[in-house]
Amino acid sequence: MPGPDDTAEQIAALLDGIVRRQRRALKQDLEVTHGQFRLLRTLDQADRDLRPSELANQLGIVPRSATTVVDDLEAAGLVTRRPDPADRRATLVALTPAGTKVLTTIRRQRRDAMVSLIERLTPTEQADLLTLLTRLSDDD
């Protein structure tokens, strides 16, 4: 019988494999990295435009890295910067319509890739998996 360390390693390897499959399923013509996708998603989920430092904080990266990602996304026309009306020294980052379109496409592709994986499970197994993954992802 495998010990807890063996089980944890097996689960980690299986989850890594699933994530890799999902990333491979995304069409490469979008040319958006995982980090760029995360930034786009963060902007989309925010109730307002965000400063680069706020993005860095929410993404758990250093501010310089957030600035680099914003630079690349701005050059691609997926985000835009504008002056912060509350602080003229600061800038705010917002999604452009093109950024929203790319984000919608990626989300659809991710969902479709996951559907092809979970359709192997019964509806009860799918519900159980969702419950278990939710418990594991909860921040205590």
N, C-alpha and C. Protein backbone atom coordinates (compact mmCIF):
# COMPACT_ATOMS: atom_id res chain seq x y z
N MET A 1 0.84 -1.18 0.00
CA MET A 1 0.00 0.00 0.00
C MET A 1 0.89 1.25 0.00
N PRO A 2 0.63 2.19 -0.93
CA PRO A 2 1.48 3.38 -0.98
C PRO A 2 1.29 4.25 0.25
N GLY A 3 2.39 4.86 0.68
CA GLY A 3 2.35 5.78 1.81
C GLY A 3 1.85 7.14 1.37
N PRO A 4 1.63 8.04 2.33
CA PRO A 4 1.13 9.37 1.99
C PRO A 4 2.03 10.13 1.03
N ASP A 5 3.35 9.95 1.17
CA ASP A 5 4.27 10.64 0.26
C ASP A 5 4.12 10.11 -1.15
N ASP A 6 3.98 8.80 -1.30
CA ASP A 6 3.80 8.20 -2.62
C ASP A 6 2.49 8.67 -3.24
N THR A 7 1.43 8.68 -2.45
CA THR A 7 0.12 9.12 -2.94
C THR A 7 0.18 10.58 -3.36
N ALA A 8 0.81 11.41 -2.54
CA ALA A 8 0.93 12.83 -2.87
C ALA A 8 1.70 13.02 -4.17
N GLU A 9 2.77 12.25 -4.36
CA GLU A 9 3.55 12.34 -5.60
C GLU A 9 2.73 11.89 -6.80
N GLN A 10 1.97 10.83 -6.65
CA GLN A 10 1.12 10.35 -7.74
C GLN A 10 0.06 11.39 -8.10
N ILE A 11 -0.56 11.98 -7.10
CA ILE A 11 -1.57 13.01 -7.37
C ILE A 11 -0.94 14.21 -8.06
N ALA A 12 0.22 14.64 -7.57
CA ALA A 12 0.91 15.78 -8.19
C ALA A 12 1.25 15.49 -9.65
N ALA A 13 1.74 14.30 -9.93
CA ALA A 13 2.09 13.94 -11.31
C ALA A 13 0.84 13.89 -12.19
N LEU A 14 -0.24 13.36 -11.68
CA LEU A 14 -1.48 13.30 -12.46
C LEU A 14 -2.03 14.69 -12.74
N LEU A 15 -2.03 15.55 -11.73
CA LEU A 15 -2.50 16.92 -11.94
C LEU A 15 -1.61 17.67 -12.94
N ASP A 16 -0.30 17.47 -12.83
CA ASP A 16 0.61 18.09 -13.80
C ASP A 16 0.29 17.64 -15.22
N GLY A 17 0.03 16.35 -15.38
CA GLY A 17 -0.30 15.82 -16.70
C GLY A 17 -1.58 16.41 -17.25
N ILE A 18 -2.57 16.57 -16.40
CA ILE A 18 -3.84 17.15 -16.84
C ILE A 18 -3.65 18.60 -17.27
N VAL A 19 -2.87 19.35 -16.49
CA VAL A 19 -2.61 20.75 -16.84
C VAL A 19 -1.87 20.83 -18.18
N ARG A 20 -0.88 19.96 -18.38
CA ARG A 20 -0.14 19.96 -19.65
C ARG A 20 -1.07 19.65 -20.82
N ARG A 21 -1.95 18.68 -20.65
CA ARG A 21 -2.90 18.34 -21.71
C ARG A 21 -3.78 19.53 -22.05
N GLN A 22 -4.23 20.22 -21.02
CA GLN A 22 -5.11 21.36 -21.24
C GLN A 22 -4.36 22.48 -21.97
N ARG A 23 -3.13 22.72 -21.59
CA ARG A 23 -2.35 23.77 -22.26
C ARG A 23 -2.07 23.41 -23.71
N ARG A 24 -1.78 22.13 -23.98
CA ARG A 24 -1.54 21.70 -25.36
C ARG A 24 -2.79 21.85 -26.21
N ALA A 25 -3.94 21.71 -25.59
CA ALA A 25 -5.20 21.81 -26.33
C ALA A 25 -5.49 23.23 -26.80
N LEU A 26 -4.86 24.22 -26.16
CA LEU A 26 -5.08 25.60 -26.58
C LEU A 26 -4.43 25.83 -27.93
N LYS A 27 -5.10 26.55 -28.77
CA LYS A 27 -4.54 26.84 -30.08
C LYS A 27 -3.34 27.76 -29.93
N GLN A 28 -2.29 27.41 -30.61
CA GLN A 28 -1.04 28.18 -30.50
C GLN A 28 -1.09 29.50 -31.25
N ASP A 29 -2.08 29.69 -32.13
CA ASP A 29 -2.13 30.92 -32.92
C ASP A 29 -2.50 32.14 -32.07
N LEU A 30 -2.95 31.92 -30.83
CA LEU A 30 -3.28 33.05 -29.98
C LEU A 30 -2.03 33.74 -29.45
N GLU A 31 -0.96 32.99 -29.29
CA GLU A 31 0.33 33.53 -28.86
C GLU A 31 0.23 34.30 -27.55
N VAL A 32 -0.50 33.76 -26.60
CA VAL A 32 -0.60 34.34 -25.27
C VAL A 32 -0.02 33.33 -24.30
N THR A 33 0.93 33.77 -23.50
CA THR A 33 1.55 32.86 -22.53
C THR A 33 0.60 32.64 -21.36
N HIS A 34 0.93 31.66 -20.55
CA HIS A 34 0.11 31.39 -19.36
C HIS A 34 0.10 32.61 -18.44
N GLY A 35 1.24 33.25 -18.26
CA GLY A 35 1.32 34.44 -17.42
C GLY A 35 0.48 35.59 -17.96
N GLN A 36 0.49 35.74 -19.27
CA GLN A 36 -0.33 36.78 -19.89
C GLN A 36 -1.82 36.47 -19.72
N PHE A 37 -2.16 35.19 -19.87
CA PHE A 37 -3.55 34.78 -19.65
C PHE A 37 -3.98 35.11 -18.23
N ARG A 38 -3.14 34.81 -17.25
CA ARG A 38 -3.47 35.09 -15.86
C ARG A 38 -3.70 36.58 -15.64
N LEU A 39 -2.87 37.43 -16.25
CA LEU A 39 -3.04 38.87 -16.10
C LEU A 39 -4.35 39.33 -16.75
N LEU A 40 -4.64 38.83 -17.94
CA LEU A 40 -5.89 39.18 -18.60
C LEU A 40 -7.09 38.75 -17.75
N ARG A 41 -7.03 37.55 -17.21
CA ARG A 41 -8.12 37.04 -16.37
C ARG A 41 -8.28 37.89 -15.11
N THR A 42 -7.17 38.31 -14.51
CA THR A 42 -7.21 39.14 -13.31
C THR A 42 -7.88 40.48 -13.61
N LEU A 43 -7.53 41.08 -14.73
CA LEU A 43 -8.17 42.34 -15.13
C LEU A 43 -9.66 42.13 -15.37
N ASP A 44 -10.00 41.04 -16.00
CA ASP A 44 -11.41 40.77 -16.32
C ASP A 44 -12.23 40.57 -15.05
N GLN A 45 -11.63 39.95 -14.04
CA GLN A 45 -12.35 39.67 -12.80
C GLN A 45 -12.40 40.86 -11.85
N ALA A 46 -11.58 41.87 -12.10
CA ALA A 46 -11.57 43.06 -11.24
C ALA A 46 -12.80 43.90 -11.53
N ASP A 47 -13.23 44.65 -10.55
CA ASP A 47 -14.38 45.52 -10.74
C ASP A 47 -13.98 46.91 -11.24
N ARG A 48 -12.70 47.04 -11.55
CA ARG A 48 -12.18 48.33 -12.00
C ARG A 48 -10.84 48.10 -12.70
N ASP A 49 -10.32 49.15 -13.34
CA ASP A 49 -8.97 49.09 -13.89
C ASP A 49 -7.98 49.02 -12.74
N LEU A 50 -6.84 48.39 -12.97
CA LEU A 50 -5.87 48.17 -11.90
C LEU A 50 -4.53 48.80 -12.23
N ARG A 51 -3.83 49.21 -11.20
CA ARG A 51 -2.45 49.67 -11.34
C ARG A 51 -1.57 48.44 -11.54
N PRO A 52 -0.44 48.59 -12.22
CA PRO A 52 0.48 47.45 -12.38
C PRO A 52 0.91 46.84 -11.04
N SER A 53 1.08 47.68 -10.01
CA SER A 53 1.47 47.15 -8.70
C SER A 53 0.36 46.29 -8.10
N GLU A 54 -0.90 46.66 -8.34
CA GLU A 54 -2.02 45.84 -7.86
C GLU A 54 -2.07 44.51 -8.60
N LEU A 55 -1.81 44.56 -9.89
CA LEU A 55 -1.75 43.33 -10.67
C LEU A 55 -0.67 42.41 -10.13
N ALA A 56 0.50 42.97 -9.88
CA ALA A 56 1.62 42.18 -9.36
C ALA A 56 1.23 41.52 -8.04
N ASN A 57 0.61 42.28 -7.18
CA ASN A 57 0.20 41.75 -5.88
C ASN A 57 -0.81 40.61 -6.05
N GLN A 58 -1.80 40.80 -6.88
CA GLN A 58 -2.83 39.78 -7.07
C GLN A 58 -2.27 38.53 -7.76
N LEU A 59 -1.27 38.70 -8.60
CA LEU A 59 -0.67 37.57 -9.32
C LEU A 59 0.46 36.92 -8.53
N GLY A 60 0.91 37.57 -7.47
CA GLY A 60 2.01 37.02 -6.68
C GLY A 60 3.35 37.09 -7.39
N ILE A 61 3.54 38.18 -8.14
CA ILE A 61 4.81 38.37 -8.86
C ILE A 61 5.37 39.74 -8.49
N VAL A 62 6.63 39.97 -8.84
CA VAL A 62 7.24 41.26 -8.53
C VAL A 62 6.70 42.32 -9.50
N PRO A 63 6.61 43.57 -9.06
CA PRO A 63 6.06 44.62 -9.91
C PRO A 63 6.74 44.74 -11.28
N ARG A 64 8.04 44.56 -11.32
CA ARG A 64 8.75 44.66 -12.61
C ARG A 64 8.26 43.60 -13.59
N SER A 65 7.99 42.42 -13.09
CA SER A 65 7.47 41.36 -13.96
C SER A 65 6.09 41.71 -14.49
N ALA A 66 5.26 42.29 -13.63
CA ALA A 66 3.92 42.69 -14.07
C ALA A 66 4.04 43.76 -15.15
N THR A 67 4.96 44.69 -14.97
CA THR A 67 5.16 45.74 -15.96
C THR A 67 5.57 45.15 -17.31
N THR A 68 6.44 44.15 -17.28
CA THR A 68 6.88 43.51 -18.52
C THR A 68 5.71 42.81 -19.21
N VAL A 69 4.89 42.11 -18.45
CA VAL A 69 3.73 41.43 -19.04
C VAL A 69 2.76 42.46 -19.61
N VAL A 70 2.52 43.54 -18.87
CA VAL A 70 1.63 44.60 -19.37
C VAL A 70 2.21 45.20 -20.65
N ASP A 71 3.52 45.44 -20.68
CA ASP A 71 4.16 45.98 -21.88
C ASP A 71 3.87 45.09 -23.09
N ASP A 72 4.07 43.78 -22.91
CA ASP A 72 3.86 42.84 -24.02
C ASP A 72 2.40 42.80 -24.45
N LEU A 73 1.49 42.80 -23.48
CA LEU A 73 0.06 42.76 -23.81
C LEU A 73 -0.39 44.07 -24.46
N GLU A 74 0.19 45.17 -24.02
CA GLU A 74 -0.14 46.46 -24.63
C GLU A 74 0.35 46.50 -26.08
N ALA A 75 1.55 45.99 -26.32
CA ALA A 75 2.09 45.96 -27.68
C ALA A 75 1.22 45.09 -28.60
N ALA A 76 0.60 44.06 -28.02
CA ALA A 76 -0.29 43.18 -28.79
C ALA A 76 -1.70 43.75 -28.92
N GLY A 77 -1.96 44.88 -28.26
CA GLY A 77 -3.28 45.50 -28.34
C GLY A 77 -4.33 44.86 -27.45
N LEU A 78 -3.88 44.09 -26.44
CA LEU A 78 -4.82 43.37 -25.58
C LEU A 78 -5.15 44.11 -24.29
N VAL A 79 -4.29 45.04 -23.89
CA VAL A 79 -4.56 45.91 -22.75
C VAL A 79 -4.15 47.33 -23.13
N THR A 80 -4.63 48.27 -22.36
CA THR A 80 -4.25 49.66 -22.56
C THR A 80 -3.95 50.29 -21.22
N ARG A 81 -3.07 51.27 -21.25
CA ARG A 81 -2.76 52.03 -20.04
C ARG A 81 -3.41 53.40 -20.18
N ARG A 82 -3.81 53.93 -19.02
CA ARG A 82 -4.34 55.29 -19.00
C ARG A 82 -3.94 55.92 -17.67
N PRO A 83 -3.87 57.24 -17.62
CA PRO A 83 -3.52 57.90 -16.36
C PRO A 83 -4.58 57.61 -15.29
N ASP A 84 -4.12 57.48 -14.06
CA ASP A 84 -5.01 57.29 -12.92
C ASP A 84 -5.53 58.67 -12.52
N PRO A 85 -6.85 58.89 -12.61
CA PRO A 85 -7.36 60.22 -12.27
C PRO A 85 -7.16 60.59 -10.80
N ALA A 86 -6.96 59.59 -9.94
CA ALA A 86 -6.75 59.86 -8.52
C ALA A 86 -5.29 60.17 -8.20
N ASP A 87 -4.36 59.84 -9.11
CA ASP A 87 -2.94 60.05 -8.86
C ASP A 87 -2.25 60.19 -10.20
N ARG A 88 -1.92 61.39 -10.59
CA ARG A 88 -1.38 61.63 -11.93
C ARG A 88 -0.04 60.95 -12.18
N ARG A 89 0.63 60.50 -11.11
CA ARG A 89 1.89 59.79 -11.28
C ARG A 89 1.69 58.31 -11.61
N ALA A 90 0.48 57.82 -11.40
CA ALA A 90 0.20 56.39 -11.57
C ALA A 90 -0.57 56.14 -12.88
N THR A 91 -0.50 54.88 -13.33
CA THR A 91 -1.27 54.48 -14.50
C THR A 91 -2.18 53.32 -14.12
N LEU A 92 -3.24 53.19 -14.88
CA LEU A 92 -4.18 52.09 -14.73
C LEU A 92 -4.13 51.24 -15.98
N VAL A 93 -4.37 49.95 -15.80
CA VAL A 93 -4.35 49.01 -16.92
C VAL A 93 -5.77 48.49 -17.10
N ALA A 94 -6.21 48.44 -18.36
CA ALA A 94 -7.55 47.95 -18.67
C ALA A 94 -7.49 47.00 -19.86
N LEU A 95 -8.43 46.08 -19.91
CA LEU A 95 -8.58 45.21 -21.08
C LEU A 95 -9.10 46.01 -22.25
N THR A 96 -8.64 45.69 -23.43
CA THR A 96 -9.22 46.24 -24.65
C THR A 96 -10.26 45.24 -25.16
N PRO A 97 -11.09 45.65 -26.11
CA PRO A 97 -12.01 44.67 -26.70
C PRO A 97 -11.28 43.47 -27.29
N ALA A 98 -10.11 43.69 -27.87
CA ALA A 98 -9.33 42.57 -28.41
C ALA A 98 -8.86 41.65 -27.28
N GLY A 99 -8.50 42.22 -26.14
CA GLY A 99 -8.09 41.42 -24.99
C GLY A 99 -9.24 40.59 -24.46
N THR A 100 -10.42 41.18 -24.42
CA THR A 100 -11.61 40.44 -23.97
C THR A 100 -11.91 39.30 -24.93
N LYS A 101 -11.74 39.54 -26.22
CA LYS A 101 -12.01 38.49 -27.22
C LYS A 101 -11.03 37.34 -27.07
N VAL A 102 -9.75 37.64 -26.89
CA VAL A 102 -8.73 36.60 -26.70
C VAL A 102 -9.03 35.81 -25.43
N LEU A 103 -9.37 36.52 -24.36
CA LEU A 103 -9.68 35.86 -23.09
C LEU A 103 -10.88 34.93 -23.25
N THR A 104 -11.90 35.37 -23.94
CA THR A 104 -13.09 34.55 -24.17
C THR A 104 -12.73 33.30 -24.97
N THR A 105 -11.90 33.46 -25.98
CA THR A 105 -11.47 32.32 -26.80
C THR A 105 -10.68 31.31 -25.98
N ILE A 106 -9.76 31.80 -25.17
CA ILE A 106 -8.94 30.90 -24.34
C ILE A 106 -9.83 30.17 -23.34
N ARG A 107 -10.74 30.88 -22.71
CA ARG A 107 -11.63 30.23 -21.75
C ARG A 107 -12.46 29.13 -22.42
N ARG A 108 -12.95 29.41 -23.61
CA ARG A 108 -13.74 28.40 -24.34
C ARG A 108 -12.88 27.18 -24.67
N GLN A 109 -11.65 27.41 -25.12
CA GLN A 109 -10.76 26.30 -25.45
C GLN A 109 -10.41 25.49 -24.21
N ARG A 110 -10.16 26.17 -23.10
CA ARG A 110 -9.86 25.46 -21.84
C ARG A 110 -11.05 24.62 -21.39
N ARG A 111 -12.23 25.21 -21.47
CA ARG A 111 -13.44 24.49 -21.08
C ARG A 111 -13.64 23.27 -21.97
N ASP A 112 -13.49 23.44 -23.28
CA ASP A 112 -13.66 22.33 -24.22
C ASP A 112 -12.65 21.21 -23.95
N ALA A 113 -11.41 21.60 -23.65
CA ALA A 113 -10.38 20.59 -23.35
C ALA A 113 -10.74 19.83 -22.08
N MET A 114 -11.25 20.53 -21.08
CA MET A 114 -11.62 19.87 -19.83
C MET A 114 -12.85 18.99 -20.02
N VAL A 115 -13.79 19.44 -20.82
CA VAL A 115 -14.98 18.63 -21.10
C VAL A 115 -14.56 17.30 -21.71
N SER A 116 -13.61 17.33 -22.63
CA SER A 116 -13.18 16.08 -23.27
C SER A 116 -12.52 15.13 -22.27
N LEU A 117 -11.96 15.67 -21.20
CA LEU A 117 -11.37 14.83 -20.16
C LEU A 117 -12.43 14.30 -19.20
N ILE A 118 -13.29 15.17 -18.72
CA ILE A 118 -14.22 14.75 -17.67
C ILE A 118 -15.42 13.98 -18.20
N GLU A 119 -15.62 14.00 -19.52
CA GLU A 119 -16.75 13.23 -20.05
C GLU A 119 -16.53 11.72 -19.89
N ARG A 120 -15.32 11.33 -19.53
CA ARG A 120 -15.04 9.92 -19.23
C ARG A 120 -15.67 9.50 -17.89
N LEU A 121 -16.01 10.49 -17.08
CA LEU A 121 -16.56 10.23 -15.75
C LEU A 121 -18.08 10.31 -15.78
N THR A 122 -18.70 9.58 -14.87
CA THR A 122 -20.15 9.67 -14.72
C THR A 122 -20.48 11.03 -14.10
N PRO A 123 -21.72 11.47 -14.21
CA PRO A 123 -22.09 12.73 -13.56
C PRO A 123 -21.79 12.72 -12.05
N THR A 124 -22.00 11.61 -11.40
CA THR A 124 -21.70 11.52 -9.97
C THR A 124 -20.21 11.66 -9.71
N GLU A 125 -19.39 11.01 -10.53
CA GLU A 125 -17.94 11.13 -10.39
C GLU A 125 -17.49 12.57 -10.65
N GLN A 126 -18.09 13.22 -11.64
CA GLN A 126 -17.75 14.61 -11.92
C GLN A 126 -18.06 15.50 -10.71
N ALA A 127 -19.23 15.29 -10.11
CA ALA A 127 -19.61 16.07 -8.92
C ALA A 127 -18.66 15.80 -7.77
N ASP A 128 -18.28 14.53 -7.59
CA ASP A 128 -17.34 14.18 -6.53
C ASP A 128 -15.97 14.83 -6.77
N LEU A 129 -15.52 14.79 -8.01
CA LEU A 129 -14.23 15.41 -8.35
C LEU A 129 -14.28 16.90 -8.07
N LEU A 130 -15.34 17.56 -8.47
CA LEU A 130 -15.48 18.99 -8.21
C LEU A 130 -15.45 19.27 -6.71
N THR A 131 -16.15 18.49 -5.94
CA THR A 131 -16.17 18.66 -4.48
C THR A 131 -14.76 18.50 -3.90
N LEU A 132 -14.06 17.46 -4.32
CA LEU A 132 -12.72 17.20 -3.78
C LEU A 132 -11.73 18.29 -4.20
N LEU A 133 -11.76 18.68 -5.45
CA LEU A 133 -10.84 19.73 -5.90
C LEU A 133 -11.14 21.06 -5.22
N THR A 134 -12.41 21.33 -4.99
CA THR A 134 -12.78 22.56 -4.27
C THR A 134 -12.22 22.54 -2.86
N ARG A 135 -12.34 21.41 -2.19
CA ARG A 135 -11.78 21.30 -0.84
C ARG A 135 -10.28 21.49 -0.84
N LEU A 136 -9.60 20.92 -1.82
CA LEU A 136 -8.14 21.06 -1.88
C LEU A 136 -7.71 22.49 -2.22
N SER A 137 -8.51 23.20 -2.99
CA SER A 137 -8.13 24.54 -3.40
C SER A 137 -8.55 25.61 -2.43
N ASP A 138 -9.39 25.28 -1.45
CA ASP A 138 -9.81 26.26 -0.45
C ASP A 138 -8.61 26.73 0.36
N ASP A 139 -8.54 28.04 0.51
CA ASP A 139 -7.51 28.64 1.37
C ASP A 139 -8.04 28.66 2.79
N ASP A 140 -7.33 28.02 3.69
CA ASP A 140 -7.77 28.02 5.11
C ASP A 140 -7.31 29.24 5.84
